[in-house]
Amino acid sequence: RRQERRQERRQRRPCGFRGRAHPRECVPRPQGFVSHSARCLAARWRAWLTDGSLAEAARQSRLSGEVARVLLSEAAAAEAARGVARFCERLASCEVPADLARNLEEFCTCIGAREYAAANRAYLEIVMGSRKWQTDVPYLVEGNRNGPSVVQSVAERLNKGMSHPLDAAGIRDYTVLLRRLLSVAQTVHPNADPSKNCG
């Protein structure tokens, strides 16, 4: 038990920007791997700002003005570091549902492999989960003049009754942070294959 606690304390420490993120198999629990990866990405964001590599990469990738302003902001990077610390505390303090843990793990693994399109799909799965879209609701056109509004209200009613794993785990507030970490990583280290980058 003592060894497990030591291992978890090590995982909570942010890695230095010169250090490399641990591969998935080196970290026993999915939550520990996600925490380690998020801390490394946040530390690297600040390091890339300091050494100028993020600014250079942003110029080369021609980011939109708003996105570039956020990614090149010291304040946004500092806020991300604080947010990652709180996110990791939440992950460590509660039981994350298995599906959500798997999607978070896939998200971090894909970023590490520079598979940003796959990471974006995992992100959408994290955010949307099993929510019903309007296309999932039967659509009866005949005799229904208010088709789209009826379908939308049925989808909303179905979703209202479902609890989302992000809410259960208490980490919904950190989803924007995950998206920013993905954007920073892709800006500095884009995949050579454009189809593996997300737009």
Protein backbone atom coordinates (compact mmCIF):
# COMPACT_ATOMS: atom_id res chain seq x y z
CA ARG A 1 0.00 0.00 0.00
CA ARG A 2 2.84 2.38 0.86
CA GLN A 3 4.42 1.75 -2.53
CA GLU A 4 1.11 2.56 -4.27
CA ARG A 5 0.87 5.88 -2.40
CA ARG A 6 4.47 6.72 -3.35
CA GLN A 7 3.68 5.89 -6.97
CA GLU A 8 0.58 8.12 -6.92
CA ARG A 9 2.56 11.02 -5.37
CA ARG A 10 5.14 10.69 -8.13
CA GLN A 11 2.36 10.80 -10.73
CA ARG A 12 0.96 14.00 -9.22
CA ARG A 13 4.26 15.85 -9.60
CA PRO A 14 4.41 17.91 -12.77
CA CYS A 15 7.09 16.73 -15.14
CA GLY A 16 9.78 19.17 -16.10
CA PHE A 17 9.54 20.52 -19.61
CA ARG A 18 12.78 18.74 -20.46
CA GLY A 19 11.30 15.47 -19.21
CA ARG A 20 9.27 13.24 -21.41
CA ALA A 21 5.76 12.11 -20.72
CA HIS A 22 5.60 8.57 -19.45
CA PRO A 23 4.16 5.99 -21.84
CA ARG A 24 0.77 4.60 -20.85
CA GLU A 25 2.14 1.27 -19.65
CA CYS A 26 4.34 3.01 -17.04
CA VAL A 27 1.35 4.45 -15.17
CA PRO A 28 -0.95 1.89 -13.52
CA ARG A 29 -4.32 3.69 -13.41
CA PRO A 30 -6.01 5.57 -16.27
CA GLN A 31 -6.65 8.56 -13.98
CA GLY A 32 -2.94 8.67 -13.07
CA PHE A 33 -1.95 8.60 -16.74
CA VAL A 34 -4.43 11.36 -17.61
CA SER A 35 -3.18 13.49 -14.69
CA HIS A 36 0.44 12.97 -15.67
CA SER A 37 -0.25 13.79 -19.33
CA ALA A 38 -2.27 16.92 -18.51
CA ARG A 39 0.45 18.19 -16.15
CA CYS A 40 3.13 17.58 -18.78
CA LEU A 41 1.13 19.40 -21.47
CA ALA A 42 0.49 22.38 -19.18
CA ALA A 43 4.19 22.55 -18.22
CA ARG A 44 5.20 22.32 -21.87
CA TRP A 45 2.75 25.07 -22.84
CA ARG A 46 4.54 27.46 -20.46
CA ALA A 47 7.97 26.25 -21.61
CA TRP A 48 7.04 26.68 -25.28
CA LEU A 49 5.89 30.23 -24.52
CA THR A 50 9.16 30.97 -22.74
CA ASP A 51 11.46 29.62 -25.45
CA GLY A 52 9.41 31.15 -28.29
CA SER A 53 8.66 27.89 -30.07
CA LEU A 54 4.88 28.31 -29.62
CA ALA A 55 4.95 31.83 -31.11
CA GLU A 56 6.99 30.61 -34.08
CA ALA A 57 4.71 27.60 -34.61
CA ALA A 58 1.61 29.82 -34.37
CA ARG A 59 2.99 32.12 -37.09
CA GLN A 60 3.77 29.17 -39.35
CA SER A 61 0.41 27.47 -38.86
CA ARG A 62 -1.52 30.71 -39.44
CA LEU A 63 -3.86 30.34 -36.48
CA SER A 64 -6.91 32.57 -36.35
CA GLY A 65 -6.48 35.75 -34.31
CA GLU A 66 -8.61 34.66 -31.36
CA VAL A 67 -7.02 31.21 -31.06
CA ALA A 68 -3.49 32.62 -31.38
CA ARG A 69 -4.24 35.28 -28.76
CA VAL A 70 -5.33 32.63 -26.24
CA LEU A 71 -2.53 30.17 -26.97
CA LEU A 72 0.17 32.88 -26.83
CA SER A 73 -1.15 34.36 -23.59
CA GLU A 74 0.97 33.91 -20.46
CA ALA A 75 -2.18 34.42 -18.41
CA ALA A 76 -4.00 31.63 -20.28
CA ALA A 77 -1.02 29.29 -19.78
CA ALA A 78 -0.87 30.12 -16.07
CA GLU A 79 -4.63 29.60 -15.75
CA ALA A 80 -4.26 26.29 -17.57
CA ALA A 81 -1.61 25.17 -15.07
CA ARG A 82 -3.93 26.04 -12.17
CA GLY A 83 -6.86 24.37 -13.92
CA VAL A 84 -4.84 21.22 -14.57
CA ALA A 85 -3.93 21.06 -10.87
CA ARG A 86 -7.62 21.25 -9.90
CA PHE A 87 -8.57 18.79 -12.66
CA CYS A 88 -6.00 16.30 -11.37
CA GLU A 89 -7.25 16.73 -7.80
CA ARG A 90 -10.79 15.94 -8.98
CA LEU A 91 -9.57 12.88 -10.86
CA ALA A 92 -7.71 11.62 -7.80
CA SER A 93 -10.52 12.32 -5.33
CA CYS A 94 -13.42 10.62 -7.05
CA GLU A 95 -14.24 7.50 -8.96
CA VAL A 96 -14.39 8.34 -12.66
CA PRO A 97 -16.81 6.18 -14.67
CA ALA A 98 -15.01 3.55 -16.78
CA ASP A 99 -16.22 4.94 -20.13
CA LEU A 100 -15.09 8.46 -19.26
CA ALA A 101 -11.71 7.21 -17.97
CA ARG A 102 -11.22 5.25 -21.20
CA ASN A 103 -12.05 8.31 -23.34
CA LEU A 104 -9.75 10.57 -21.31
CA GLU A 105 -6.98 7.98 -21.60
CA GLU A 106 -7.51 7.73 -25.36
CA PHE A 107 -7.48 11.53 -25.65
CA CYS A 108 -4.09 11.78 -23.91
CA THR A 109 -2.63 8.78 -25.73
CA CYS A 110 -3.61 10.24 -29.11
CA ILE A 111 -2.06 13.61 -28.28
CA GLY A 112 1.16 11.85 -27.29
CA ALA A 113 1.16 9.98 -30.62
CA ARG A 114 0.33 13.20 -32.54
CA GLU A 115 -2.94 11.67 -33.70
CA TYR A 116 -4.86 14.90 -33.21
CA ALA A 117 -7.94 14.00 -35.28
CA ALA A 118 -8.39 10.86 -33.15
CA ALA A 119 -7.80 12.94 -30.00
CA ASN A 120 -10.51 15.34 -31.17
CA ARG A 121 -12.93 12.42 -31.67
CA ALA A 122 -12.14 11.24 -28.13
CA TYR A 123 -12.70 14.80 -26.90
CA LEU A 124 -16.12 14.92 -28.55
CA GLU A 125 -16.96 11.59 -26.93
CA ILE A 126 -15.86 13.01 -23.56
CA VAL A 127 -18.02 16.11 -23.98
CA MET A 128 -21.08 14.56 -25.64
CA GLY A 129 -20.98 11.05 -24.21
CA SER A 130 -24.20 9.16 -24.85
CA ARG A 131 -26.38 12.22 -25.32
CA LYS A 132 -29.14 11.94 -27.91
CA TRP A 133 -28.90 13.98 -31.08
CA GLN A 134 -31.96 14.98 -33.04
CA THR A 135 -31.08 12.32 -35.61
CA ASP A 136 -31.36 9.64 -32.89
CA VAL A 137 -35.02 10.47 -32.26
CA PRO A 138 -37.68 8.94 -34.54
CA TYR A 139 -38.99 11.56 -36.91
CA LEU A 140 -42.59 11.15 -38.04
CA VAL A 141 -43.26 13.62 -40.83
CA GLU A 142 -46.80 12.69 -41.86
CA GLY A 143 -49.33 14.86 -40.08
CA ASN A 144 -46.65 16.61 -38.05
CA ARG A 145 -46.29 20.23 -39.08
CA ASN A 146 -43.93 21.01 -36.22
CA GLY A 147 -41.54 18.13 -36.94
CA PRO A 148 -38.17 19.71 -36.14
CA SER A 149 -39.34 21.46 -32.98
CA VAL A 150 -41.05 18.29 -31.70
CA VAL A 151 -37.93 16.21 -32.40
CA GLN A 152 -35.74 18.80 -30.68
CA SER A 153 -37.95 18.87 -27.59
CA VAL A 154 -37.99 15.04 -27.42
CA ALA A 155 -34.17 14.94 -27.66
CA GLU A 156 -33.87 17.61 -24.94
CA ARG A 157 -36.30 15.72 -22.69
CA LEU A 158 -34.37 12.47 -23.14
CA ASN A 159 -31.06 14.21 -22.39
CA LYS A 160 -32.44 15.99 -19.34
CA GLY A 161 -33.18 12.67 -17.67
CA MET A 162 -29.66 11.34 -18.28
CA SER A 163 -26.80 12.26 -15.98
CA HIS A 164 -23.54 12.90 -17.78
CA PRO A 165 -20.34 11.20 -16.55
CA LEU A 166 -18.51 14.56 -16.61
CA ASP A 167 -21.03 15.93 -14.12
CA ALA A 168 -20.85 12.81 -11.97
CA ALA A 169 -17.04 13.07 -11.87
CA GLY A 170 -17.18 16.84 -11.29
CA ILE A 171 -14.84 17.66 -14.18
CA ARG A 172 -17.16 19.31 -16.73
CA ASP A 173 -15.59 22.72 -16.05
CA TYR A 174 -12.24 21.46 -17.36
CA THR A 175 -13.31 20.37 -20.85
CA VAL A 176 -12.29 23.68 -22.46
CA LEU A 177 -8.89 23.27 -20.83
CA LEU A 178 -8.47 19.84 -22.46
CA ARG A 179 -9.29 21.36 -25.86
CA ARG A 180 -6.70 24.10 -25.35
CA LEU A 181 -4.03 21.56 -24.41
CA LEU A 182 -4.83 19.70 -27.63
CA SER A 183 -4.54 22.93 -29.65
CA VAL A 184 -1.21 23.86 -28.08
CA ALA A 185 0.29 20.42 -28.70
CA GLN A 186 -0.89 20.37 -32.32
CA THR A 187 0.39 23.89 -32.97
CA VAL A 188 3.92 23.10 -31.78
CA HIS A 189 4.10 19.50 -32.99
CA PRO A 190 1.66 19.01 -35.89
CA ASN A 191 1.44 15.63 -37.55
CA ALA A 192 3.22 15.46 -40.91
CA ASP A 193 0.07 13.83 -42.29
CA PRO A 194 -2.55 16.65 -42.45
CA SER A 195 -5.41 14.13 -42.19
CA LYS A 196 -4.25 13.32 -38.63
CA ASN A 197 -4.52 16.94 -37.51
CA CYS A 198 -7.81 18.47 -36.41
CA GLY A 199 -9.13 21.68 -37.91
